[in-house]
Protein backbone atom coordinates (compact mmCIF):
# COMPACT_ATOMS: atom_id res chain seq x y z
CA MET A 1 0.00 0.00 0.00
CA ARG A 2 1.14 3.57 -0.61
CA ARG A 3 1.58 6.67 1.54
CA SER A 4 2.10 5.17 4.97
CA LEU A 5 5.32 6.70 6.29
CA LEU A 6 4.81 8.40 9.66
CA LEU A 7 7.41 10.67 11.22
CA VAL A 8 7.14 10.47 15.00
CA PRO A 9 10.55 11.48 16.42
CA LEU A 10 8.88 12.98 19.50
CA LEU A 11 7.73 9.51 20.52
CA CYS A 12 10.80 7.75 19.12
CA LEU A 13 8.57 5.34 17.23
CA PRO A 14 9.81 5.34 13.64
CA PHE A 15 8.42 2.61 11.46
CA ALA A 16 8.72 1.58 7.84
CA SER A 17 6.06 2.28 5.26
CA THR A 18 3.65 -0.47 4.42
CA ALA A 19 4.81 -0.07 0.84
CA LEU A 20 7.90 -1.87 2.09
CA ALA A 21 6.27 -3.92 4.81
CA ASP A 22 3.71 -5.39 2.44
CA GLN A 23 6.44 -6.63 0.10
CA PRO A 24 8.00 -10.07 0.73
CA SER A 25 11.31 -10.02 2.55
CA LYS A 26 14.51 -10.83 0.73
CA GLY A 27 14.62 -14.32 2.29
CA SER A 28 11.08 -15.19 1.39
CA PRO A 29 10.33 -17.08 -1.78
CA ALA A 30 8.62 -15.05 -4.45
CA PRO A 31 4.96 -16.03 -4.82
CA SER A 32 3.93 -17.70 -8.01
CA ALA A 33 2.12 -15.72 -10.66
CA ALA A 34 -0.96 -17.88 -10.19
CA ALA A 35 -1.09 -17.22 -6.45
CA SER A 36 -0.38 -13.47 -6.71
CA PRO A 37 -3.23 -11.15 -7.66
CA ALA A 38 -2.57 -8.76 -10.48
CA GLU A 39 -1.24 -5.36 -9.33
CA PRO A 40 -4.02 -2.78 -9.69
CA VAL A 41 -3.47 -0.09 -12.25
CA LYS A 42 -3.17 3.33 -10.58
CA THR A 43 -5.57 6.02 -11.68
CA ASP A 44 -4.49 9.57 -12.44
CA ALA A 45 -5.78 10.65 -9.01
CA ALA A 46 -3.79 7.92 -7.29
CA VAL A 47 -0.62 8.88 -9.18
CA ALA A 48 -1.10 12.53 -8.25
CA ALA A 49 -1.81 11.61 -4.62
CA GLN A 50 1.36 9.52 -4.42
CA GLU A 51 3.49 12.32 -5.87
CA LEU A 52 2.02 14.89 -3.48
CA PHE A 53 2.51 12.51 -0.57
CA ASP A 54 6.17 11.99 -1.44
CA GLN A 55 6.72 15.74 -1.72
CA GLY A 56 5.01 16.28 1.63
CA ILE A 57 7.24 13.74 3.38
CA LYS A 58 10.39 15.33 1.90
CA LEU A 59 9.25 18.75 3.11
CA MET A 60 8.66 17.38 6.60
CA GLU A 61 12.13 15.88 6.63
CA ALA A 62 13.44 19.32 5.65
CA GLY A 63 11.53 20.95 8.51
CA LYS A 64 9.17 22.85 6.19
CA PHE A 65 6.04 21.74 7.97
CA ALA A 66 3.58 24.38 6.73
CA GLU A 67 4.38 23.53 3.10
CA ALA A 68 4.35 19.82 3.91
CA CYS A 69 0.86 20.03 5.40
CA SER A 70 -0.45 21.65 2.22
CA LYS A 71 0.98 18.82 0.10
CA LEU A 72 -0.43 16.13 2.37
CA GLU A 73 -3.85 17.81 2.39
CA ALA A 74 -3.86 17.84 -1.41
CA SER A 75 -2.75 14.19 -1.51
CA ASN A 76 -5.52 13.08 0.83
CA LYS A 77 -8.07 15.06 -1.16
CA ALA A 78 -7.00 13.41 -4.41
CA ALA A 79 -7.14 9.88 -2.99
CA PRO A 80 -7.77 9.44 0.76
CA ALA A 81 -5.54 6.93 2.54
CA PRO A 82 -4.98 6.20 6.25
CA GLY A 83 -1.20 6.49 5.82
CA THR A 84 -1.60 10.02 4.50
CA THR A 85 -4.12 10.87 7.22
CA ILE A 86 -1.82 9.90 10.09
CA ASN A 87 1.12 11.76 8.56
CA LEU A 88 -1.09 14.81 8.08
CA ALA A 89 -2.06 14.59 11.77
CA ASP A 90 1.62 14.58 12.72
CA CYS A 91 2.23 17.57 10.44
CA TYR A 92 -0.67 19.54 11.93
CA GLU A 93 0.67 18.98 15.43
CA ARG A 94 4.06 20.39 14.42
CA ILE A 95 2.53 23.69 13.22
CA GLY A 96 0.33 24.10 16.30
CA ARG A 97 -2.99 23.05 14.77
CA LEU A 98 -3.70 20.71 17.65
CA ALA A 99 -7.44 20.32 17.10
CA SER A 100 -6.91 19.34 13.46
CA ALA A 101 -4.12 16.94 14.48
CA TRP A 102 -6.31 15.36 17.17
CA ALA A 103 -9.19 14.88 14.70
CA LYS A 104 -6.92 13.27 12.08
CA PHE A 105 -5.37 10.86 14.61
CA LEU A 106 -8.88 9.79 15.64
CA GLU A 107 -9.84 9.39 11.98
CA ALA A 108 -6.84 7.19 11.17
CA GLU A 109 -6.97 4.93 14.24
CA PRO A 110 -9.95 2.69 13.26
CA TYR A 111 -8.58 2.12 9.75
CA PHE A 112 -5.42 0.60 11.20
CA ARG A 113 -7.29 -1.16 14.03
CA ASN A 114 -9.62 -3.02 11.63
CA ARG A 115 -6.82 -4.51 9.55
CA THR A 116 -5.97 -8.17 9.85
CA PRO A 117 -3.73 -8.39 11.71
CA PRO A 118 -4.25 -4.98 13.40
CA ASP A 119 -1.70 -2.41 12.30
CA PRO A 120 0.47 -1.12 15.21
CA ARG A 121 -0.15 2.40 13.98
CA ALA A 122 -3.64 2.16 15.48
CA ASP A 123 -2.14 2.35 18.98
CA ILE A 124 0.20 5.14 17.90
CA ALA A 125 -2.71 7.21 16.56
CA LYS A 126 -4.73 6.58 19.74
CA THR A 127 -1.82 7.50 22.03
CA ARG A 128 -1.08 10.69 20.11
CA ALA A 129 -4.76 11.72 20.18
CA GLU A 130 -5.02 11.11 23.94
CA ALA A 131 -1.88 13.18 24.54
CA LEU A 132 -3.30 16.10 22.57
CA TYR A 133 -6.77 16.14 24.14
CA PRO A 134 -5.90 18.11 27.34
CA LYS A 135 -4.10 20.75 25.26
CA LEU A 136 -7.01 21.51 22.92
CA SER A 137 -8.44 25.03 22.72
CA ARG A 138 -12.22 25.26 22.55
CA LEU A 139 -14.86 27.56 21.15
CA THR A 140 -18.40 27.56 22.52
CA ILE A 141 -21.26 29.06 20.50
CA ASP A 142 -24.08 29.77 22.94
CA VAL A 143 -27.51 30.30 21.35
CA PRO A 144 -30.06 31.20 24.06
CA ALA A 145 -33.70 30.27 23.56
CA ALA A 146 -34.61 33.92 22.93
CA SER A 147 -32.10 34.04 20.07
CA ARG A 148 -33.35 30.92 18.30
CA ALA A 149 -35.42 32.54 15.58
CA PRO A 150 -37.27 30.19 13.19
CA GLY A 151 -34.95 28.96 10.45
CA ILE A 152 -31.82 30.18 12.25
CA VAL A 153 -28.50 29.04 10.75
CA VAL A 154 -25.26 29.17 12.71
CA LYS A 155 -21.93 28.86 10.92
CA ARG A 156 -18.35 28.68 12.14
CA ASP A 157 -15.68 29.49 9.57
CA GLY A 158 -18.25 28.99 6.81
CA ASP A 159 -19.43 25.55 7.99
CA ALA A 160 -22.88 25.03 9.51
CA VAL A 161 -22.93 24.18 13.22
CA ASP A 162 -25.71 21.74 14.14
CA ASP A 163 -27.97 22.81 17.01
CA SER A 164 -26.81 19.77 18.97
CA GLN A 165 -23.39 21.43 19.20
CA TRP A 166 -24.65 24.76 20.49
CA GLY A 167 -23.46 25.48 24.00
CA THR A 168 -20.69 22.86 23.75
CA GLY A 169 -17.01 23.75 23.79
CA LEU A 170 -15.76 22.28 20.52
CA PRO A 171 -12.02 21.82 19.85
CA VAL A 172 -10.63 24.39 17.41
CA ASP A 173 -7.18 25.37 16.24
CA PRO A 174 -5.75 28.50 17.86
CA GLY A 175 -6.34 31.68 15.88
CA LYS A 176 -9.24 33.66 14.44
CA HIS A 177 -12.64 32.02 13.96
CA VAL A 178 -15.68 33.67 12.37
CA VAL A 179 -19.18 32.99 13.71
CA GLU A 180 -22.09 33.94 11.43
CA VAL A 181 -25.78 33.75 12.30
CA SER A 182 -28.72 34.31 9.95
CA ALA A 183 -32.46 33.70 9.85
CA PRO A 184 -35.33 34.54 7.47
CA GLY A 185 -36.61 38.07 8.02
CA LYS A 186 -33.69 38.94 10.30
CA GLU A 187 -30.48 40.90 9.93
CA SER A 188 -27.39 38.69 9.80
CA TRP A 189 -24.95 38.79 12.70
CA LYS A 190 -21.21 38.17 12.53
CA TRP A 191 -18.49 37.89 15.16
CA GLU A 192 -14.75 37.24 14.96
CA ALA A 193 -13.38 35.33 17.93
CA GLU A 194 -9.67 35.06 18.67
CA VAL A 195 -8.89 31.74 20.37
CA GLY A 196 -5.55 31.36 22.12
CA ALA A 197 -3.35 28.28 22.38
CA GLY A 198 -2.70 25.99 25.34
CA GLY A 199 -6.25 24.91 26.13
CA ALA A 200 -7.85 28.37 25.95
CA THR A 201 -11.65 28.50 26.02
CA VAL A 202 -13.73 31.20 24.32
CA SER A 203 -17.52 31.55 24.43
CA VAL A 204 -19.52 33.47 21.83
CA PRO A 205 -23.08 34.35 22.92
CA VAL A 206 -25.45 34.87 20.02
CA PRO A 207 -27.73 37.90 20.52
CA VAL A 208 -31.35 38.21 19.49
CA LEU A 209 -31.28 39.00 15.79
CA LYS A 210 -32.78 42.30 14.72
CA ASP A 211 -35.69 42.36 12.31
CA ALA A 212 -34.65 43.06 8.75
CA PRO A 213 -35.94 46.38 7.37
CA SER A 214 -39.24 46.06 5.58
CA ALA A 215 -38.87 46.22 1.86
CA VAL A 216 -40.11 49.61 0.71
CA PRO A 217 -41.51 49.41 -2.81
CA THR A 218 -39.65 51.80 -5.00
CA ALA A 219 -41.61 53.90 -7.44
CA THR A 220 -40.90 52.92 -10.96
CA ALA A 221 -39.83 55.91 -12.95
CA ALA A 222 -42.40 56.60 -15.63
CA PRO A 223 -41.13 57.26 -19.10
CA ASP A 224 -40.67 60.87 -20.05
CA THR A 225 -44.02 62.15 -21.27
CA GLY A 226 -42.46 64.67 -23.58
CA MET A 227 -40.53 67.86 -23.96
CA PRO A 228 -41.05 70.63 -21.36
CA LEU A 229 -43.46 73.36 -22.42
CA GLN A 230 -40.75 76.01 -22.34
CA LYS A 231 -38.67 74.12 -24.88
CA LYS A 232 -41.69 73.76 -27.12
CA ILE A 233 -42.22 77.51 -26.93
CA ALA A 234 -38.52 78.00 -27.65
CA ILE A 235 -38.77 75.93 -30.82
CA GLY A 236 -41.84 77.87 -31.92
CA ALA A 237 -40.22 81.22 -31.19
CA GLY A 238 -37.06 80.20 -33.01
CA ALA A 239 -38.98 79.03 -36.06
CA ALA A 240 -40.99 82.27 -36.10
CA GLY A 241 -37.79 84.26 -35.74
CA VAL A 242 -36.20 82.54 -38.70
CA ALA A 243 -39.34 83.17 -40.73
CA GLY A 244 -39.25 86.87 -39.74
CA LEU A 245 -35.63 87.21 -40.79
CA VAL A 246 -36.38 85.54 -44.12
CA LEU A 247 -39.37 87.85 -44.59
CA GLY A 248 -37.26 90.88 -43.78
CA GLY A 249 -34.65 89.81 -46.28
CA VAL A 250 -37.18 89.24 -49.05
CA PHE A 251 -38.92 92.57 -48.58
CA GLY A 252 -35.58 94.30 -48.18
CA GLY A 253 -34.66 93.02 -51.61
CA LEU A 254 -37.95 94.19 -53.07
CA THR A 255 -37.40 97.62 -51.51
CA MET A 256 -34.01 97.97 -53.14
CA GLY A 257 -35.52 96.95 -56.47
CA LYS A 258 -38.25 99.61 -56.24
CA VAL A 259 -35.74 102.30 -55.31
CA GLY A 260 -33.57 101.31 -58.22
CA ASP A 261 -36.49 101.51 -60.66
CA SER A 262 -37.55 104.91 -59.30
CA ASN A 263 -34.13 106.37 -59.95
CA LYS A 264 -34.90 106.21 -63.68
CA SER A 265 -37.87 108.54 -63.21
CA CYS A 266 -36.36 110.85 -60.56
CA ALA A 267 -33.67 113.52 -60.71
CA LYS A 268 -31.57 114.58 -57.79
CA GLN A 269 -31.76 118.26 -56.98
CA SER A 270 -29.03 120.58 -55.73
CA ASP A 271 -30.49 120.50 -52.22
CA GLY A 272 -30.20 116.68 -52.13
CA THR A 273 -33.87 115.90 -52.71
CA PHE A 274 -35.31 114.02 -55.63
CA ARG A 275 -37.86 115.35 -58.10
CA CYS A 276 -39.83 112.49 -59.61
CA ASP A 277 -42.54 112.17 -62.17
CA ALA A 278 -45.77 110.36 -61.32
CA ALA A 279 -44.32 106.91 -62.04
CA GLY A 280 -41.18 107.53 -59.99
CA ALA A 281 -43.16 108.93 -57.08
CA GLN A 282 -45.35 105.83 -57.05
CA LEU A 283 -42.31 103.54 -57.05
CA ARG A 284 -40.80 105.38 -54.13
CA ASP A 285 -44.06 105.17 -52.15
CA ASP A 286 -44.13 101.42 -52.82
CA ALA A 287 -40.52 101.15 -51.66
CA LYS A 288 -41.39 102.83 -48.31
CA GLY A 289 -44.14 100.30 -47.64
CA LEU A 290 -41.88 97.38 -48.51
CA SER A 291 -39.10 98.85 -46.37
CA LEU A 292 -41.42 99.02 -43.36
CA ILE A 293 -42.36 95.36 -43.73
CA SER A 294 -38.69 94.42 -44.13
CA THR A 295 -37.74 96.34 -40.99
CA VAL A 296 -40.52 94.75 -38.96
CA GLY A 297 -39.51 91.32 -40.24
CA PHE A 298 -35.86 91.78 -39.28
CA ILE A 299 -36.67 93.20 -35.82
CA ALA A 300 -39.32 90.62 -34.96
CA GLY A 301 -37.31 87.75 -36.41
CA GLY A 302 -34.20 88.74 -34.48
CA VAL A 303 -36.09 89.10 -31.21
CA LEU A 304 -37.97 85.84 -31.64
CA ALA A 305 -34.84 83.92 -32.63
CA ALA A 306 -32.89 85.32 -29.67
CA GLY A 307 -35.81 84.62 -27.35
CA GLY A 308 -36.03 81.06 -28.61
CA VAL A 309 -32.37 80.48 -27.79
CA VAL A 310 -32.77 81.93 -24.29
CA LEU A 311 -35.91 79.88 -23.66
CA TRP A 312 -34.19 76.66 -24.73
CA LEU A 313 -31.12 77.26 -22.59
CA THR A 314 -33.10 78.16 -19.48
CA ALA A 315 -35.79 75.47 -19.80
CA PRO A 316 -36.15 73.23 -16.67
CA GLY A 317 -35.92 69.45 -16.85
CA SER A 318 -39.07 67.41 -17.18
CA PRO A 319 -40.65 66.56 -13.77
CA PRO A 320 -41.33 62.86 -13.07
CA ALA A 321 -44.64 61.78 -14.55
CA GLY A 322 -47.39 61.39 -12.00
CA ASP A 323 -45.65 63.58 -9.39
CA ALA A 324 -48.44 65.86 -8.25
CA ASN A 325 -46.07 67.83 -6.01
CA ALA A 326 -43.66 68.68 -8.81
CA PRO A 327 -43.66 72.45 -9.51
CA ALA A 328 -44.98 73.41 -12.91
CA PRO A 329 -42.44 74.98 -15.23
CA LYS A 330 -42.51 78.77 -15.22
CA ALA A 331 -44.47 80.12 -18.16
CA ALA A 332 -42.41 82.04 -20.69
CA ARG A 333 -43.74 85.03 -22.66
CA VAL A 334 -42.56 86.78 -25.80
CA TRP A 335 -44.28 90.02 -26.86
CA LEU A 336 -44.18 92.34 -29.84
CA ALA A 337 -45.78 95.83 -29.88
CA PRO A 338 -45.92 98.61 -32.45
CA VAL A 339 -44.21 101.93 -31.74
CA VAL A 340 -45.74 105.15 -33.02
CA GLY A 341 -43.76 108.35 -32.76
CA PRO A 342 -40.91 110.13 -34.39
CA THR A 343 -39.63 106.68 -35.39
CA THR A 344 -42.18 104.14 -36.55
CA GLY A 345 -41.51 100.47 -35.82
CA PHE A 346 -42.08 97.65 -33.33
CA ALA A 347 -40.82 96.93 -29.84
CA ALA A 348 -40.20 93.28 -28.81
CA GLY A 349 -39.44 91.64 -25.47
CA GLY A 350 -40.15 88.64 -23.30
CA ASP A 351 -40.23 87.09 -19.81
CA PHE A 352 -37.98 84.02 -19.42
């Protein structure tokens, strides 16, 4: 059998591996092929376990116990074997993990005890476990009746602790241990306990779990119902402004055309005035009317376009749909009024 070397210099009980002990001695006759069962073919897991075991033993011989324990753990995980288990127990003891060592010695002992004939390593495992027991540190998780909420789950270092173990000092390795408690409808509770070496005892009382906050339904944001009114007004004002500017430009062109035509029927006098015949005078009167429309178009278009830009830039965001308490957007106004006086025209303005 493989993986059975145990290093026990503290007890001065070295013994050979069963890989050697199970082989016939040099003086014994070799068994016949018919009487000898075929050697089982090792699986990939068994090959990996053997290699890890060998590496672990070499590391222990070199005094690198922490690394050795990792190799032996991996070996036992790949293919469990009592020889690996008892060596892992010895390794754990050397790095101070006494509870883990004690548990592994207890695990290995019956495997060796039930062999025919019984393997002497059964007594070694038992003796080592008994020697460790008084030195074990313990952690007690006390769950009072008031703290036992329906569906409560208690965990230590990520593993569930059965209710039969509550209130009992269980052996643990020295160091930090995390206790977590949860229950439906309750807030989870967590505690980190530091357990010392040399038989230290730590008790963790579990408090009454607080009720979890009631789930408050969150209002689902309604889709945006549309563009704010002020922006709509801004678009309308801008479009009207552009139209006014275009109108002003068109009528400005017509005005220049009329003035040009009238020049053919008008003569400039020495005092700077023009003397026109009936046709020229009519053309100049037409030009004044067109000029007025052009001026109004340019003024109104400019004001409306500028107002549209201001309205767009100052428009508030859309309030959430269905929010009755949301303030309504401030109404915007654009106005245009005629001006009669020495200078005829229009005045424009707005409230934004």
